[in-house]
């Protein structure tokens, strides 16, 4: 019987991506303060300072932070405030928080930007809006605090650099655009195209399941991105396709994001377990070796998400139960009800347990379920005229 090896800890078993970034309203609870303590702490933010702070702890971590005395922040040139989405995050006796006040950050590449609203947060970092002070361009920033004396942090930084190197070589309308990166003091910043529509996961949570006509459109757009990735030399396998890693623009177009688990592949199959368990292909969990077909399975799982606004497979009691179900049985995720025969056949072409029996991204793009959209592309705007009315 197959047993997961001890070093195959699930990566991204929840909604979090590589940075652990989730929508701020999914986890933060403003009403969970349970105790207060005073401590001398170093604060890391747009500026560095040391001051005695009064810290209110909650079940989710640090719930509030303020100077221990009225005059504690007088000489700081800024006022301490709690970042509404992040907490601060406790790192031993070091706290990460935000300092109010103006002041742009100057990157080593000449980019000068000012921080805006927080988009998401996680255990390893956060994502926020920023504005280029020269051009006015708004973009997204991934910020990760790196302790140069911590081996795990240093290794994680190398993973981020690998992600950056990979994204720098990608240029496609269905891929979130990489802008640049900076390594400033204890912070590693990755600059990315800002997608104001948020993630598909957030849209499904807010609005519910999509109509089949919209699933058609999004399926085709995602396949266009996958064909691009899979046809690269060497091919790029995303390895973590799920609704949380698909972003929407205001034009209702979708783009693939978060290439933290991605890898350039050769003829040798990958055997490391990367991705998020409910979306993983069976061969990923069993370490049987996998390649581009694993992305097709995950894409099929996203089709189920779009049709049901729930995870593929439903809810598992724990990650091990999910791994056993996906890796050791002959089952496939249940097909949603109410879909057309063409859509169900399209879905079946993605979710075949034998990797070689799955259609490729290019073959799926030619499938009747999505192929017809290519000829009717001008109608994609739908009721746009209504929104363009003065």
Protein backbone atom coordinates (compact mmCIF):
# COMPACT_ATOMS: atom_id res chain seq x y z
CA UNK A 1 0.00 0.00 0.00
CA UNK A 2 1.23 3.47 -0.82
CA UNK A 3 2.16 5.64 2.13
CA UNK A 4 3.14 9.31 1.74
CA UNK A 5 6.85 9.77 2.54
CA UNK A 6 7.62 11.66 5.74
CA UNK A 7 9.14 14.62 3.88
CA UNK A 8 6.12 15.20 1.67
CA UNK A 9 4.39 17.76 3.84
CA UNK A 10 1.39 19.21 2.01
CA UNK A 11 2.14 22.54 0.38
CA UNK A 12 -0.68 25.02 0.23
CA UNK A 13 -3.27 22.59 1.56
CA UNK A 14 -5.66 25.48 2.18
CA UNK A 15 -6.52 28.52 0.08
CA UNK A 16 -3.09 30.06 0.61
CA UNK A 17 -0.55 30.27 -2.18
CA UNK A 18 3.25 30.23 -1.86
CA UNK A 19 3.23 33.32 0.34
CA UNK A 20 0.26 32.05 2.29
CA UNK A 21 -1.61 35.04 0.90
CA UNK A 22 -5.36 34.93 1.39
CA UNK A 23 -8.10 37.51 1.15
CA UNK A 24 -8.02 39.58 4.31
CA UNK A 25 -11.66 38.94 5.28
CA UNK A 26 -11.17 35.17 5.27
CA UNK A 27 -9.11 34.91 8.44
CA UNK A 28 -8.78 38.14 10.39
CA UNK A 29 -11.08 38.56 13.37
CA UNK A 30 -11.10 42.00 14.91
CA UNK A 31 -12.96 40.84 17.99
CA UNK A 32 -10.65 38.22 19.43
CA UNK A 33 -8.51 40.21 21.88
CA UNK A 34 -7.82 38.19 25.00
CA UNK A 35 -4.83 39.69 26.73
CA UNK A 36 -2.47 42.64 26.72
CA UNK A 37 1.21 42.89 27.48
CA UNK A 38 3.89 45.55 27.26
CA UNK A 39 7.13 44.75 25.51
CA UNK A 40 10.12 46.41 23.97
CA UNK A 41 9.98 45.44 20.34
CA UNK A 42 11.69 46.27 17.10
CA UNK A 43 9.20 47.39 14.47
CA UNK A 44 9.84 46.70 10.81
CA UNK A 45 7.98 48.69 8.19
CA UNK A 46 8.70 51.48 5.71
CA UNK A 47 11.01 52.81 8.43
CA UNK A 48 12.81 51.07 11.30
CA UNK A 49 12.51 52.13 14.92
CA UNK A 50 12.64 50.82 18.45
CA UNK A 51 10.05 51.79 21.06
CA UNK A 52 8.19 50.31 24.03
CA UNK A 53 4.90 49.03 22.69
CA UNK A 54 1.66 47.87 24.25
CA UNK A 55 0.58 44.75 22.41
CA UNK A 56 -2.89 43.17 22.61
CA UNK A 57 -2.81 39.47 21.80
CA UNK A 58 -5.70 37.57 20.26
CA UNK A 59 -6.41 34.06 19.10
CA UNK A 60 -5.19 35.00 15.62
CA UNK A 61 -1.96 36.52 16.90
CA UNK A 62 -1.29 40.19 17.56
CA UNK A 63 -4.61 42.06 17.50
CA UNK A 64 -3.47 45.62 18.22
CA UNK A 65 -0.29 47.57 18.76
CA UNK A 66 0.27 51.05 20.18
CA UNK A 67 2.94 53.04 22.02
CA UNK A 68 3.13 52.07 25.68
CA UNK A 69 2.98 55.74 26.67
CA UNK A 70 1.62 58.88 25.07
CA UNK A 71 5.08 60.21 24.39
CA UNK A 72 6.63 56.98 23.20
CA UNK A 73 6.24 57.80 19.52
CA UNK A 74 6.91 61.54 19.74
CA UNK A 75 10.36 61.29 18.23
CA UNK A 76 9.51 58.76 15.58
CA UNK A 77 8.22 61.12 12.92
CA UNK A 78 5.26 58.80 12.36
CA UNK A 79 2.34 57.29 14.20
CA UNK A 80 2.09 53.58 14.80
CA UNK A 81 -1.09 51.98 13.54
CA UNK A 82 -2.32 48.44 13.18
CA UNK A 83 -2.36 47.22 9.59
CA UNK A 84 -6.04 46.37 9.24
CA UNK A 85 -5.45 43.19 7.30
CA UNK A 86 -2.23 41.79 8.62
CA UNK A 87 -2.20 42.05 12.29
CA UNK A 88 1.07 42.64 12.94
CA UNK A 89 2.81 39.28 12.66
CA UNK A 90 4.87 38.24 15.67
CA UNK A 91 8.35 37.02 14.77
CA UNK A 92 9.84 36.23 18.15
CA UNK A 93 10.18 39.66 19.75
CA UNK A 94 10.10 41.34 16.35
CA UNK A 95 6.80 42.72 15.10
CA UNK A 96 5.90 43.69 11.57
CA UNK A 97 3.52 46.63 11.34
CA UNK A 98 2.80 49.65 9.19
CA UNK A 99 3.83 53.22 9.91
CA UNK A 100 1.41 55.88 8.79
CA UNK A 101 2.65 58.90 6.95
CA UNK A 102 3.89 59.71 3.48
CA UNK A 103 7.21 58.70 2.04
CA UNK A 104 7.94 56.73 -1.08
CA UNK A 105 10.21 53.70 -1.21
CA UNK A 106 13.07 53.91 -3.68
CA UNK A 107 14.04 50.59 -5.21
CA UNK A 108 17.48 49.64 -6.38
CA UNK A 109 16.22 49.56 -9.98
CA UNK A 110 15.17 53.23 -9.91
CA UNK A 111 11.50 52.54 -9.23
CA UNK A 112 10.05 54.93 -6.65
CA UNK A 113 6.70 53.90 -5.25
CA UNK A 114 4.23 54.62 -2.47
CA UNK A 115 2.36 51.91 -0.65
CA UNK A 116 -1.44 51.65 -0.89
CA UNK A 117 -4.14 49.34 0.45
CA UNK A 118 -3.42 45.78 1.52
CA UNK A 119 -4.80 43.12 -0.83
CA UNK A 120 -3.92 39.98 1.13
CA UNK A 121 -1.75 38.61 3.87
CA UNK A 122 -0.20 35.39 5.08
CA UNK A 123 2.31 33.76 7.39
CA UNK A 124 5.24 34.51 5.07
CA UNK A 125 4.33 37.94 3.76
CA UNK A 126 1.68 40.19 2.31
CA UNK A 127 0.46 41.73 -0.92
CA UNK A 128 -0.56 45.36 -1.30
CA UNK A 129 -1.21 48.00 -3.93
CA UNK A 130 1.47 50.51 -4.81
CA UNK A 131 1.77 53.52 -7.10
CA UNK A 132 4.77 54.41 -9.24
CA UNK A 133 5.52 58.01 -8.25
CA UNK A 134 6.92 58.76 -11.70
CA UNK A 135 4.25 57.33 -13.99
CA UNK A 136 1.24 56.97 -11.70
CA UNK A 137 0.97 53.29 -12.58
CA UNK A 138 -0.75 51.18 -9.91
CA UNK A 139 0.72 47.71 -9.43
CA UNK A 140 0.79 44.90 -6.87
CA UNK A 141 3.67 44.25 -4.48
CA UNK A 142 4.49 40.99 -2.75
CA UNK A 143 6.48 41.77 0.39
CA UNK A 144 8.32 39.08 2.33
CA UNK A 145 10.37 39.73 5.45
CA UNK A 146 13.66 37.83 5.27
CA UNK A 147 15.88 37.18 8.28
CA UNK A 148 19.37 36.80 6.83
CA UNK A 149 20.40 34.79 9.90
CA UNK A 150 17.61 32.26 9.50
CA UNK A 151 18.43 29.35 7.18
CA UNK A 152 14.77 28.70 6.34
CA UNK A 153 14.25 32.37 5.42
CA UNK A 154 17.32 32.36 3.19
CA UNK A 155 16.13 29.20 1.43
CA UNK A 156 12.68 30.71 0.98
CA UNK A 157 14.26 33.79 -0.55
CA UNK A 158 15.99 31.57 -3.10
CA UNK A 159 12.60 30.04 -3.96
CA UNK A 160 11.25 33.54 -4.53
CA UNK A 161 14.18 34.37 -6.78
CA UNK A 162 13.49 31.23 -8.80
CA UNK A 163 9.87 32.35 -9.16
CA UNK A 164 11.04 35.79 -10.28
CA UNK A 165 13.49 34.33 -12.81
CA UNK A 166 10.75 32.19 -14.30
CA UNK A 167 8.16 34.99 -14.45
CA UNK A 168 10.64 37.40 -16.01
CA UNK A 169 10.73 35.18 -19.08
CA UNK A 170 6.95 35.00 -19.53
CA UNK A 171 4.96 37.38 -21.72
CA UNK A 172 1.37 36.48 -22.56
CA UNK A 173 -2.05 38.15 -22.18
CA UNK A 174 -3.29 35.28 -19.99
CA UNK A 175 -0.33 35.46 -17.58
CA UNK A 176 -0.05 38.10 -14.85
CA UNK A 177 2.76 40.41 -15.93
CA UNK A 178 5.97 40.56 -13.93
CA UNK A 179 7.31 44.11 -13.47
CA UNK A 180 10.42 43.71 -11.34
CA UNK A 181 11.76 43.00 -7.87
CA UNK A 182 13.84 44.60 -5.13
CA UNK A 183 15.86 43.36 -2.18
CA UNK A 184 15.84 46.20 0.35
CA UNK A 185 17.10 45.72 3.90
CA UNK A 186 15.10 42.81 5.36
CA UNK A 187 12.38 42.97 2.70
CA UNK A 188 12.14 41.16 -0.61
CA UNK A 189 9.63 42.84 -2.94
CA UNK A 190 8.14 41.38 -6.11
CA UNK A 191 6.31 43.85 -8.39
CA UNK A 192 3.43 42.46 -10.44
CA UNK A 193 0.55 43.62 -12.61
CA UNK A 194 -2.39 44.66 -10.44
CA UNK A 195 -5.62 42.77 -11.17
CA UNK A 196 -8.45 44.83 -9.63
CA UNK A 197 -11.04 42.06 -9.98
CA UNK A 198 -9.29 39.93 -7.35
CA UNK A 199 -9.09 36.16 -7.46
CA UNK A 200 -11.58 33.80 -9.02
CA UNK A 201 -11.87 32.15 -5.60
CA UNK A 202 -13.06 35.44 -4.11
CA UNK A 203 -15.53 35.97 -6.96
CA UNK A 204 -16.98 32.48 -6.46
CA UNK A 205 -17.26 33.07 -2.73
CA UNK A 206 -19.03 36.39 -3.24
CA UNK A 207 -21.25 35.66 -6.26
CA UNK A 208 -21.62 31.88 -6.31
CA UNK A 209 -21.22 29.40 -9.16
CA UNK A 210 -20.79 30.64 -12.73
CA UNK A 211 -23.17 30.00 -15.62
CA UNK A 212 -21.89 27.51 -18.20
CA UNK A 213 -21.50 30.28 -20.78
CA UNK A 214 -19.04 32.07 -18.49
CA UNK A 215 -17.25 28.80 -17.70
CA UNK A 216 -16.72 28.41 -21.46
CA UNK A 217 -15.10 31.82 -21.71
CA UNK A 218 -12.84 31.41 -18.70
CA UNK A 219 -11.90 27.86 -19.71
CA UNK A 220 -10.74 29.07 -23.11
CA UNK A 221 -8.74 31.96 -21.67
CA UNK A 222 -7.02 29.70 -19.12
CA UNK A 223 -6.19 27.18 -21.83
CA UNK A 224 -4.60 29.93 -23.91
CA UNK A 225 -2.28 30.59 -20.98
CA UNK A 226 -1.56 26.90 -20.47
CA UNK A 227 -0.78 26.35 -24.16
CA UNK A 228 1.74 29.17 -23.89
CA UNK A 229 3.37 27.72 -20.76
CA UNK A 230 3.40 24.13 -21.98
CA UNK A 231 4.86 25.06 -25.38
CA UNK A 232 7.84 26.91 -23.93
CA UNK A 233 11.33 25.46 -24.35
CA UNK A 234 11.72 23.90 -21.90
CA UNK A 235 8.02 23.65 -21.01
CA UNK A 236 6.75 25.35 -17.86
CA UNK A 237 4.49 23.34 -15.55
CA UNK A 238 2.51 25.63 -13.23
CA UNK A 239 1.89 22.92 -10.58
CA UNK A 240 -0.61 24.94 -8.51
CA UNK A 241 -3.59 25.79 -10.71
CA UNK A 242 -6.67 26.61 -8.64
CA UNK A 243 -9.21 29.42 -8.45
CA UNK A 244 -7.17 31.26 -5.80
CA UNK A 245 -4.31 31.56 -8.31
CA UNK A 246 -6.48 32.88 -11.14
CA UNK A 247 -6.99 36.65 -11.17
CA UNK A 248 -9.66 38.77 -12.83
CA UNK A 249 -9.33 42.16 -14.47
CA UNK A 250 -12.00 44.82 -14.72
CA UNK A 251 -12.45 43.72 -18.34
CA UNK A 252 -13.65 40.35 -16.98
CA UNK A 253 -10.63 38.58 -18.44
CA UNK A 254 -8.70 36.02 -16.38
CA UNK A 255 -4.98 35.48 -15.95
CA UNK A 256 -2.86 32.79 -14.32
CA UNK A 257 -0.86 33.97 -11.33
CA UNK A 258 1.45 32.72 -8.59
CA UNK A 259 4.28 30.78 -10.15
CA UNK A 260 5.89 29.92 -6.80
CA UNK A 261 5.40 26.20 -7.39
CA UNK A 262 6.11 26.32 -11.12
CA UNK A 263 9.04 24.61 -12.74
CA UNK A 264 10.71 24.42 -16.11
CA UNK A 265 10.68 20.78 -17.14
CA UNK A 266 12.66 18.60 -19.50
CA UNK A 267 11.98 15.02 -20.52
CA UNK A 268 12.54 13.98 -16.91
CA UNK A 269 9.33 13.81 -14.89
CA UNK A 270 9.03 15.73 -11.64
CA UNK A 271 8.66 13.66 -8.48
CA UNK A 272 8.41 16.36 -5.80
CA UNK A 273 4.97 17.08 -4.41
CA UNK A 274 4.08 20.69 -5.14
CA UNK A 275 0.69 22.32 -5.24
CA UNK A 276 -2.55 22.25 -3.25
CA UNK A 277 -3.93 18.83 -2.37
CA UNK A 278 -7.59 18.98 -3.55
CA UNK A 279 -6.39 20.14 -6.98
CA UNK A 280 -3.46 17.71 -7.24
CA UNK A 281 -3.36 15.02 -9.90
CA UNK A 282 -3.07 11.43 -8.61
CA UNK A 283 0.44 11.02 -10.02
CA UNK A 284 1.62 14.07 -8.07
CA UNK A 285 0.49 12.59 -4.76
CA UNK A 286 1.89 9.12 -5.47
CA UNK A 287 5.26 10.51 -6.66
CA UNK A 288 4.85 8.50 -9.85
CA UNK A 289 6.45 11.25 -11.90
CA UNK A 290 4.44 13.97 -13.60
CA UNK A 291 4.55 16.73 -16.17
CA UNK A 292 2.14 18.86 -18.16
CA UNK A 293 -0.85 16.48 -17.75
CA UNK A 294 -0.85 17.33 -14.02
CA UNK A 295 -1.78 20.91 -14.92
CA UNK A 296 -4.65 19.59 -17.05
CA UNK A 297 -6.06 17.67 -14.07
CA UNK A 298 -5.87 20.81 -11.91
CA UNK A 299 -7.54 22.78 -14.70
CA UNK A 300 -10.38 20.24 -14.64
CA UNK A 301 -10.71 20.79 -10.90
CA UNK A 302 -11.06 24.53 -11.55
CA UNK A 303 -13.91 23.77 -13.97
CA UNK A 304 -15.67 22.04 -11.07
CA UNK A 305 -14.99 25.05 -8.85
CA UNK A 306 -16.52 27.39 -11.40
CA UNK A 307 -19.62 25.20 -11.79
CA UNK A 308 -20.22 24.64 -8.07
CA UNK A 309 -18.43 27.42 -6.14
CA UNK A 310 -16.96 24.61 -3.99
CA UNK A 311 -13.70 22.71 -3.93
CA UNK A 312 -13.29 19.62 -6.09
CA UNK A 313 -13.98 16.42 -4.11
CA UNK A 314 -15.98 18.30 -1.47
CA UNK A 315 -14.65 18.64 2.06
CA UNK A 316 -12.08 16.29 3.60
CA UNK A 317 -11.60 15.77 7.33
CA UNK A 318 -7.82 16.19 7.01
CA UNK A 319 -5.06 16.39 4.37
CA UNK A 320 -4.17 12.70 4.75
CA UNK A 321 -7.74 11.65 3.93
CA UNK A 322 -7.56 13.79 0.80
CA UNK A 323 -4.24 12.29 -0.25
CA UNK A 324 -5.50 8.73 0.23
CA UNK A 325 -8.71 9.44 -1.71
CA UNK A 326 -6.93 11.09 -4.62
CA UNK A 327 -3.81 8.94 -4.68
CA UNK A 328 -4.99 5.42 -3.79
CA UNK A 329 -8.48 5.02 -5.24
CA UNK A 330 -9.69 4.95 -8.84
CA UNK A 331 -12.17 7.76 -8.19
CA UNK A 332 -12.37 11.11 -9.93
CA UNK A 333 -14.02 14.25 -8.52
CA UNK A 334 -17.83 14.13 -8.83
CA UNK A 335 -19.13 15.90 -11.92
CA UNK A 336 -21.39 18.91 -11.26
CA UNK A 337 -25.07 18.59 -12.05
CA UNK A 338 -26.82 20.63 -14.70
CA UNK A 339 -23.96 20.87 -17.20
CA UNK A 340 -24.41 20.18 -20.90
CA UNK A 341 -23.11 16.92 -22.43
CA UNK A 342 -20.41 18.89 -24.26
CA UNK A 343 -19.19 20.45 -21.02
CA UNK A 344 -19.22 17.10 -19.19
CA UNK A 345 -17.25 15.45 -22.00
CA UNK A 346 -14.77 18.35 -21.90
CA UNK A 347 -14.41 17.89 -18.14
CA UNK A 348 -13.93 14.14 -18.51
CA UNK A 349 -11.08 14.79 -20.96
CA UNK A 350 -9.24 16.60 -18.16
CA UNK A 351 -9.94 14.27 -15.23
CA UNK A 352 -8.73 10.90 -16.47
CA UNK A 353 -6.59 9.20 -13.85
CA UNK A 354 -4.11 7.96 -16.44
CA UNK A 355 -2.07 11.07 -17.36
CA UNK A 356 -1.43 9.99 -20.95
CA UNK A 357 -5.18 9.70 -21.58
CA UNK A 358 -5.84 13.34 -20.74
CA UNK A 359 -6.04 15.77 -23.62
CA UNK A 360 -3.27 18.35 -23.86
CA UNK A 361 -3.97 22.06 -23.46
CA UNK A 362 -3.74 22.53 -27.24
CA UNK A 363 -6.16 19.64 -27.85
CA UNK A 364 -8.60 21.01 -25.29
CA UNK A 365 -8.45 24.41 -26.96
CA UNK A 366 -9.75 22.72 -30.12
CA UNK A 367 -12.56 20.94 -28.25
CA UNK A 368 -16.08 21.94 -29.42
CA UNK A 369 -16.95 23.19 -25.93
CA UNK A 370 -14.56 26.15 -26.26
CA UNK A 371 -13.50 26.19 -29.93
CA UNK A 372 -16.66 27.98 -31.07
CA UNK A 373 -15.82 30.97 -28.88
CA UNK A 374 -12.86 31.83 -31.09
CA UNK A 375 -15.13 32.76 -33.98
CA UNK A 376 -17.55 34.75 -31.80
CA UNK A 377 -14.87 36.67 -29.89
CA UNK A 378 -16.32 40.13 -30.75
CA UNK A 379 -19.43 39.18 -28.77
CA UNK A 380 -17.27 38.70 -25.66
CA UNK A 381 -18.11 42.22 -24.51
CA UNK A 382 -21.71 41.16 -23.91
CA UNK A 383 -23.56 44.09 -22.29
CA UNK A 384 -20.51 46.36 -22.20
CA UNK A 385 -22.48 49.09 -23.98
CA UNK A 386 -24.69 49.32 -20.90
CA UNK A 387 -21.69 49.97 -18.65
CA UNK A 388 -20.27 52.50 -21.12
CA UNK A 389 -23.39 54.67 -20.98
CA UNK A 390 -22.75 58.25 -19.76
